[in-house]
Amino acid sequence: MAPTPDEALRHVRLLMLVNDVSLRNLIPAELANDLGFFQSKPAASFSPVVVTPDALGDAWREGRVHRPMIVH
């Protein structure tokens, strides 16, 4: 519980892309009600492939992927 950033990084096992959608027009009204995000944050979508950090080799440094990302 409450790991430091370095401790948390040692527990990263898989990496994948996520498309986190925000319906920006709905956010202000939801935040005004103090209920947090309900309708303005629909389900996210995930990539169909995951990789391990070691599969990235030297491209995985300091908790980040140091490679270009190309999306089609």
N, C-alpha and C. Protein backbone atom coordinates (compact mmCIF):
# COMPACT_ATOMS: atom_id res chain seq x y z
N MET A 1 0.84 -1.18 0.00
CA MET A 1 0.00 0.00 0.00
C MET A 1 0.88 1.24 0.00
N ALA A 2 0.43 2.25 -0.71
CA ALA A 2 1.12 3.53 -0.82
C ALA A 2 2.58 3.38 -1.20
N PRO A 3 2.87 2.68 -2.30
CA PRO A 3 4.27 2.51 -2.69
C PRO A 3 4.86 3.81 -3.21
N THR A 4 6.16 3.92 -3.16
CA THR A 4 6.84 5.03 -3.79
C THR A 4 6.78 4.80 -5.30
N PRO A 5 7.05 5.81 -6.10
CA PRO A 5 7.06 5.59 -7.55
C PRO A 5 8.01 4.47 -7.98
N ASP A 6 9.18 4.39 -7.38
CA ASP A 6 10.13 3.33 -7.74
C ASP A 6 9.60 1.95 -7.36
N GLU A 7 8.95 1.85 -6.21
CA GLU A 7 8.38 0.57 -5.80
C GLU A 7 7.24 0.16 -6.73
N ALA A 8 6.40 1.10 -7.09
CA ALA A 8 5.29 0.81 -8.00
C ALA A 8 5.80 0.36 -9.35
N LEU A 9 6.86 0.97 -9.83
CA LEU A 9 7.43 0.62 -11.13
C LEU A 9 7.91 -0.82 -11.17
N ARG A 10 8.38 -1.34 -10.07
CA ARG A 10 8.85 -2.73 -10.03
C ARG A 10 7.69 -3.73 -10.18
N HIS A 11 6.46 -3.27 -10.03
CA HIS A 11 5.30 -4.14 -10.14
C HIS A 11 4.62 -4.08 -11.51
N VAL A 12 5.13 -3.28 -12.42
CA VAL A 12 4.55 -3.20 -13.76
C VAL A 12 4.87 -4.50 -14.49
N ARG A 13 3.82 -5.18 -14.94
CA ARG A 13 3.99 -6.48 -15.62
C ARG A 13 3.63 -6.44 -17.09
N LEU A 14 2.62 -5.65 -17.44
CA LEU A 14 2.15 -5.58 -18.82
C LEU A 14 1.89 -4.13 -19.21
N LEU A 15 2.07 -3.83 -20.50
CA LEU A 15 1.82 -2.50 -21.03
C LEU A 15 0.84 -2.62 -22.20
N MET A 16 -0.09 -1.68 -22.25
CA MET A 16 -1.04 -1.65 -23.36
C MET A 16 -1.53 -0.21 -23.55
N LEU A 17 -2.17 0.03 -24.66
CA LEU A 17 -2.74 1.34 -24.93
C LEU A 17 -4.18 1.37 -24.44
N VAL A 18 -4.60 2.54 -23.96
CA VAL A 18 -5.98 2.74 -23.55
C VAL A 18 -6.47 4.06 -24.16
N ASN A 19 -7.67 4.04 -24.67
CA ASN A 19 -8.31 5.24 -25.18
C ASN A 19 -9.32 5.68 -24.12
N ASP A 20 -8.93 6.64 -23.31
CA ASP A 20 -9.77 7.13 -22.22
C ASP A 20 -10.60 8.29 -22.74
N VAL A 21 -11.87 8.07 -22.91
CA VAL A 21 -12.77 9.06 -23.52
C VAL A 21 -13.36 9.97 -22.45
N SER A 22 -13.42 11.26 -22.74
CA SER A 22 -14.09 12.23 -21.87
C SER A 22 -15.11 13.00 -22.70
N LEU A 23 -16.33 13.04 -22.22
CA LEU A 23 -17.37 13.84 -22.89
C LEU A 23 -17.35 15.22 -22.23
N ARG A 24 -16.51 16.07 -22.76
CA ARG A 24 -16.18 17.35 -22.12
C ARG A 24 -17.39 18.25 -21.86
N ASN A 25 -18.40 18.19 -22.69
CA ASN A 25 -19.56 19.05 -22.47
C ASN A 25 -20.35 18.67 -21.22
N LEU A 26 -20.20 17.43 -20.76
CA LEU A 26 -20.94 16.97 -19.58
C LEU A 26 -20.16 17.15 -18.28
N ILE A 27 -18.87 17.33 -18.36
CA ILE A 27 -18.03 17.37 -17.16
C ILE A 27 -18.38 18.52 -16.21
N PRO A 28 -18.50 19.77 -16.67
CA PRO A 28 -18.76 20.85 -15.70
C PRO A 28 -20.01 20.64 -14.86
N ALA A 29 -21.08 20.18 -15.46
CA ALA A 29 -22.32 19.96 -14.70
C ALA A 29 -22.15 18.84 -13.69
N GLU A 30 -21.44 17.81 -14.05
CA GLU A 30 -21.23 16.70 -13.12
C GLU A 30 -20.35 17.11 -11.95
N LEU A 31 -19.32 17.87 -12.23
CA LEU A 31 -18.44 18.31 -11.14
C LEU A 31 -19.15 19.29 -10.21
N ALA A 32 -20.09 20.05 -10.74
CA ALA A 32 -20.85 20.99 -9.92
C ALA A 32 -21.73 20.27 -8.91
N ASN A 33 -22.11 19.04 -9.20
CA ASN A 33 -22.96 18.25 -8.30
C ASN A 33 -22.15 17.48 -7.26
N ASP A 34 -20.83 17.60 -7.28
CA ASP A 34 -19.95 16.90 -6.33
C ASP A 34 -20.10 15.38 -6.37
N LEU A 35 -20.59 14.84 -7.48
CA LEU A 35 -20.73 13.39 -7.59
C LEU A 35 -19.58 12.77 -8.38
N GLY A 36 -18.73 13.59 -8.94
CA GLY A 36 -17.64 13.06 -9.76
C GLY A 36 -18.13 12.72 -11.15
N PHE A 37 -17.32 11.97 -11.86
CA PHE A 37 -17.65 11.61 -13.23
C PHE A 37 -18.60 10.42 -13.25
N PHE A 38 -19.73 10.59 -13.92
CA PHE A 38 -20.69 9.50 -14.02
C PHE A 38 -21.00 9.23 -15.49
N GLN A 39 -21.60 10.21 -16.16
CA GLN A 39 -21.91 10.05 -17.57
C GLN A 39 -20.82 10.61 -18.47
N SER A 40 -19.99 11.50 -17.96
CA SER A 40 -19.00 12.14 -18.80
C SER A 40 -17.76 11.28 -19.04
N LYS A 41 -17.66 10.13 -18.37
CA LYS A 41 -16.53 9.21 -18.57
C LYS A 41 -17.08 7.83 -18.95
N PRO A 42 -17.43 7.63 -20.23
CA PRO A 42 -17.92 6.32 -20.63
C PRO A 42 -16.79 5.28 -20.59
N ALA A 43 -17.12 4.06 -20.92
CA ALA A 43 -16.14 2.97 -20.89
C ALA A 43 -14.96 3.28 -21.80
N ALA A 44 -13.77 2.93 -21.34
CA ALA A 44 -12.56 3.10 -22.14
C ALA A 44 -12.40 1.89 -23.06
N SER A 45 -11.61 2.06 -24.11
CA SER A 45 -11.29 0.93 -24.98
C SER A 45 -9.79 0.65 -24.89
N PHE A 46 -9.45 -0.61 -25.05
CA PHE A 46 -8.07 -1.05 -24.87
C PHE A 46 -7.52 -1.69 -26.14
N SER A 47 -6.22 -1.65 -26.28
CA SER A 47 -5.57 -2.27 -27.42
C SER A 47 -5.73 -3.78 -27.35
N PRO A 48 -5.71 -4.46 -28.50
CA PRO A 48 -5.86 -5.91 -28.49
C PRO A 48 -4.57 -6.66 -28.14
N VAL A 49 -3.50 -5.93 -27.93
CA VAL A 49 -2.20 -6.55 -27.68
C VAL A 49 -1.57 -5.90 -26.45
N VAL A 50 -0.92 -6.72 -25.64
CA VAL A 50 -0.13 -6.21 -24.51
C VAL A 50 1.30 -6.71 -24.68
N VAL A 51 2.25 -5.98 -24.09
CA VAL A 51 3.65 -6.41 -24.10
C VAL A 51 4.20 -6.31 -22.69
N THR A 52 5.23 -7.05 -22.44
CA THR A 52 5.92 -6.96 -21.16
C THR A 52 7.00 -5.89 -21.28
N PRO A 53 7.34 -5.24 -20.18
CA PRO A 53 8.41 -4.23 -20.25
C PRO A 53 9.72 -4.78 -20.79
N ASP A 54 10.07 -6.03 -20.45
CA ASP A 54 11.34 -6.58 -20.93
C ASP A 54 11.33 -6.81 -22.44
N ALA A 55 10.14 -6.99 -23.04
CA ALA A 55 10.05 -7.15 -24.50
C ALA A 55 10.45 -5.87 -25.22
N LEU A 56 10.35 -4.74 -24.53
CA LEU A 56 10.72 -3.46 -25.14
C LEU A 56 12.21 -3.17 -25.03
N GLY A 57 12.91 -3.94 -24.22
CA GLY A 57 14.37 -3.76 -24.08
C GLY A 57 14.72 -2.37 -23.60
N ASP A 58 15.67 -1.75 -24.29
CA ASP A 58 16.15 -0.42 -23.91
C ASP A 58 15.11 0.68 -24.11
N ALA A 59 14.04 0.38 -24.84
CA ALA A 59 13.00 1.39 -25.07
C ALA A 59 12.15 1.61 -23.81
N TRP A 60 12.22 0.71 -22.82
CA TRP A 60 11.49 0.87 -21.56
C TRP A 60 12.46 1.43 -20.53
N ARG A 61 12.31 2.72 -20.27
CA ARG A 61 13.20 3.40 -19.31
C ARG A 61 12.38 4.34 -18.44
N GLU A 62 12.70 4.35 -17.14
CA GLU A 62 12.10 5.28 -16.19
C GLU A 62 10.57 5.24 -16.22
N GLY A 63 10.01 4.05 -16.45
CA GLY A 63 8.56 3.90 -16.45
C GLY A 63 7.87 4.44 -17.68
N ARG A 64 8.62 4.64 -18.75
CA ARG A 64 8.04 5.16 -19.99
C ARG A 64 8.59 4.40 -21.19
N VAL A 65 7.79 4.39 -22.25
CA VAL A 65 8.23 3.79 -23.50
C VAL A 65 8.90 4.89 -24.34
N HIS A 66 10.13 4.67 -24.71
CA HIS A 66 10.89 5.65 -25.49
C HIS A 66 10.99 5.14 -26.93
N ARG A 67 9.85 5.14 -27.61
CA ARG A 67 9.76 4.73 -29.01
C ARG A 67 8.64 5.53 -29.65
N PRO A 68 8.71 5.72 -30.95
CA PRO A 68 7.58 6.37 -31.61
C PRO A 68 6.36 5.45 -31.61
N MET A 69 5.18 6.03 -31.59
CA MET A 69 3.95 5.26 -31.67
C MET A 69 3.26 5.60 -32.97
N ILE A 70 2.94 4.57 -33.73
CA ILE A 70 2.26 4.76 -35.00
C ILE A 70 0.91 4.04 -34.91
N VAL A 71 -0.16 4.76 -35.17
CA VAL A 71 -1.50 4.20 -35.08
C VAL A 71 -2.15 4.28 -36.45
N HIS A 72 -2.77 3.21 -36.88
CA HIS A 72 -3.49 3.17 -38.16
C HIS A 72 -4.96 2.96 -37.91
